[in-house]
């Protein structure tokens, strides 16, 4: 049975939460779709909303996450996806 996605969203259009190490995107229910960096590294492309049954397909290049194992645990997201903290 084919999966029915609410939408397809480019990873670049999602915001990155450094503290929780996940990407998120607003859901129409008022919550947000979430997918972790580890899920992306494992080539998973489905972000789920914890408050409703909607899911989105995340469009990304799995090669962008190949080097995650070489890191010392430091997360280095693309700067445009980082949530700016108030100074």
C-alpha atoms as a PDB file:
ATOM      1  CA  UNK A   1       0.000   0.000   0.000  1.00  0.00           C
ATOM      2  CA  UNK A   2       1.476   3.382  -0.976  1.00  0.00           C
ATOM      3  CA  UNK A   3       2.154   5.895   1.765  1.00  0.00           C
ATOM      4  CA  UNK A   4       0.181   9.129   1.650  1.00  0.00           C
ATOM      5  CA  UNK A   5       2.321  12.119   2.613  1.00  0.00           C
ATOM      6  CA  UNK A   6       0.820  15.427   3.648  1.00  0.00           C
ATOM      7  CA  UNK A   7       3.640  17.169   1.748  1.00  0.00           C
ATOM      8  CA  UNK A   8       7.227  16.863   0.545  1.00  0.00           C
ATOM      9  CA  UNK A   9       9.624  19.340   2.151  1.00  0.00           C
ATOM     10  CA  UNK A  10      13.238  20.087   1.287  1.00  0.00           C
ATOM     11  CA  UNK A  11      15.566  19.669   4.266  1.00  0.00           C
ATOM     12  CA  UNK A  12      16.855  23.191   3.591  1.00  0.00           C
ATOM     13  CA  UNK A  13      13.353  24.516   4.318  1.00  0.00           C
ATOM     14  CA  UNK A  14      13.281  22.910   7.761  1.00  0.00           C
ATOM     15  CA  UNK A  15      14.666  24.557  10.907  1.00  0.00           C
ATOM     16  CA  UNK A  16      17.390  22.830  12.918  1.00  0.00           C
ATOM     17  CA  UNK A  17      17.193  22.557  16.706  1.00  0.00           C
ATOM     18  CA  UNK A  18      20.779  22.103  17.888  1.00  0.00           C
ATOM     19  CA  UNK A  19      19.777  21.298  21.477  1.00  0.00           C
ATOM     20  CA  UNK A  20      17.498  18.422  20.429  1.00  0.00           C
ATOM     21  CA  UNK A  21      19.590  17.490  17.351  1.00  0.00           C
ATOM     22  CA  UNK A  22      16.574  17.410  15.048  1.00  0.00           C
ATOM     23  CA  UNK A  23      15.013  19.217  12.128  1.00  0.00           C
ATOM     24  CA  UNK A  24      11.434  20.473  12.318  1.00  0.00           C
ATOM     25  CA  UNK A  25       8.751  22.020  10.139  1.00  0.00           C
ATOM     26  CA  UNK A  26       5.358  23.522  11.122  1.00  0.00           C
ATOM     27  CA  UNK A  27       2.364  21.175  11.013  1.00  0.00           C
ATOM     28  CA  UNK A  28      -1.131  22.491  10.240  1.00  0.00           C
ATOM     29  CA  UNK A  29      -2.344  21.138  13.602  1.00  0.00           C
ATOM     30  CA  UNK A  30      -0.161  23.693  15.407  1.00  0.00           C
ATOM     31  CA  UNK A  31       2.639  21.318  16.425  1.00  0.00           C
ATOM     32  CA  UNK A  32       5.578  20.472  14.175  1.00  0.00           C
ATOM     33  CA  UNK A  33       6.908  17.621  12.080  1.00  0.00           C
ATOM     34  CA  UNK A  34      10.215  16.313  13.450  1.00  0.00           C
ATOM     35  CA  UNK A  35      13.041  14.142  12.143  1.00  0.00           C
ATOM     36  CA  UNK A  36      16.322  13.521  13.947  1.00  0.00           C
ATOM     37  CA  UNK A  37      19.769  13.803  12.458  1.00  0.00           C
ATOM     38  CA  UNK A  38      20.255  10.078  13.189  1.00  0.00           C
ATOM     39  CA  UNK A  39      17.114   9.193  11.204  1.00  0.00           C
ATOM     40  CA  UNK A  40      18.460  11.162   8.248  1.00  0.00           C
ATOM     41  CA  UNK A  41      21.837   9.460   8.616  1.00  0.00           C
ATOM     42  CA  UNK A  42      19.987   6.123   8.478  1.00  0.00           C
ATOM     43  CA  UNK A  43      18.396   7.319   5.184  1.00  0.00           C
ATOM     44  CA  UNK A  44      14.922   7.665   6.720  1.00  0.00           C
ATOM     45  CA  UNK A  45      12.895  10.349   4.988  1.00  0.00           C
ATOM     46  CA  UNK A  46       9.652  10.502   6.975  1.00  0.00           C
ATOM     47  CA  UNK A  47       9.061  13.287   9.499  1.00  0.00           C
ATOM     48  CA  UNK A  48       6.133  12.751  11.861  1.00  0.00           C
ATOM     49  CA  UNK A  49       4.019  15.129  13.852  1.00  0.00           C
ATOM     50  CA  UNK A  50       3.759  13.950  17.479  1.00  0.00           C
ATOM     51  CA  UNK A  51       0.285  15.502  17.869  1.00  0.00           C
ATOM     52  CA  UNK A  52      -1.565  14.213  14.806  1.00  0.00           C
ATOM     53  CA  UNK A  53      -1.361  11.515  12.155  1.00  0.00           C
ATOM     54  CA  UNK A  54       0.191  13.638   9.396  1.00  0.00           C
ATOM     55  CA  UNK A  55       3.600  12.791   7.962  1.00  0.00           C
ATOM     56  CA  UNK A  56       5.813  14.531   5.438  1.00  0.00           C
ATOM     57  CA  UNK A  57       8.543  13.222   3.182  1.00  0.00           C
ATOM     58  CA  UNK A  58      11.848  15.012   3.702  1.00  0.00           C
ATOM     59  CA  UNK A  59      13.811  15.544   0.495  1.00  0.00           C
ATOM     60  CA  UNK A  60      17.563  15.470   1.183  1.00  0.00           C
ATOM     61  CA  UNK A  61      20.854  14.048  -0.041  1.00  0.00           C
ATOM     62  CA  UNK A  62      21.932  11.100   2.165  1.00  0.00           C
ATOM     63  CA  UNK A  63      25.542  11.840   1.205  1.00  0.00           C
ATOM     64  CA  UNK A  64      25.304  14.996   3.350  1.00  0.00           C
ATOM     65  CA  UNK A  65      25.214  12.727   6.421  1.00  0.00           C
ATOM     66  CA  UNK A  66      27.956  10.244   5.458  1.00  0.00           C
ATOM     67  CA  UNK A  67      30.631  12.049   7.470  1.00  0.00           C
ATOM     68  CA  UNK A  68      28.639  12.098  10.726  1.00  0.00           C
ATOM     69  CA  UNK A  69      30.546   9.046  12.017  1.00  0.00           C
ATOM     70  CA  UNK A  70      33.847  10.894  11.591  1.00  0.00           C
ATOM     71  CA  UNK A  71      32.794  13.660  13.942  1.00  0.00           C
ATOM     72  CA  UNK A  72      33.442  13.826  17.667  1.00  0.00           C
ATOM     73  CA  UNK A  73      29.731  14.210  18.359  1.00  0.00           C
ATOM     74  CA  UNK A  74      29.708  17.844  17.328  1.00  0.00           C
ATOM     75  CA  UNK A  75      26.716  18.796  15.216  1.00  0.00           C
ATOM     76  CA  UNK A  76      27.472  21.127  12.336  1.00  0.00           C
ATOM     77  CA  UNK A  77      24.222  21.958  10.549  1.00  0.00           C
ATOM     78  CA  UNK A  78      24.014  24.204   7.539  1.00  0.00           C
ATOM     79  CA  UNK A  79      24.063  27.793   8.897  1.00  0.00           C
ATOM     80  CA  UNK A  80      20.779  28.760   7.236  1.00  0.00           C
ATOM     81  CA  UNK A  81      18.963  26.009   9.197  1.00  0.00           C
ATOM     82  CA  UNK A  82      20.205  26.969  12.650  1.00  0.00           C
ATOM     83  CA  UNK A  83      17.825  28.689  15.032  1.00  0.00           C
ATOM     84  CA  UNK A  84      19.424  31.932  16.113  1.00  0.00           C
ATOM     85  CA  UNK A  85      19.645  32.453  19.839  1.00  0.00           C
ATOM     86  CA  UNK A  86      18.932  35.899  21.233  1.00  0.00           C
ATOM     87  CA  UNK A  87      22.113  37.667  22.216  1.00  0.00           C
END
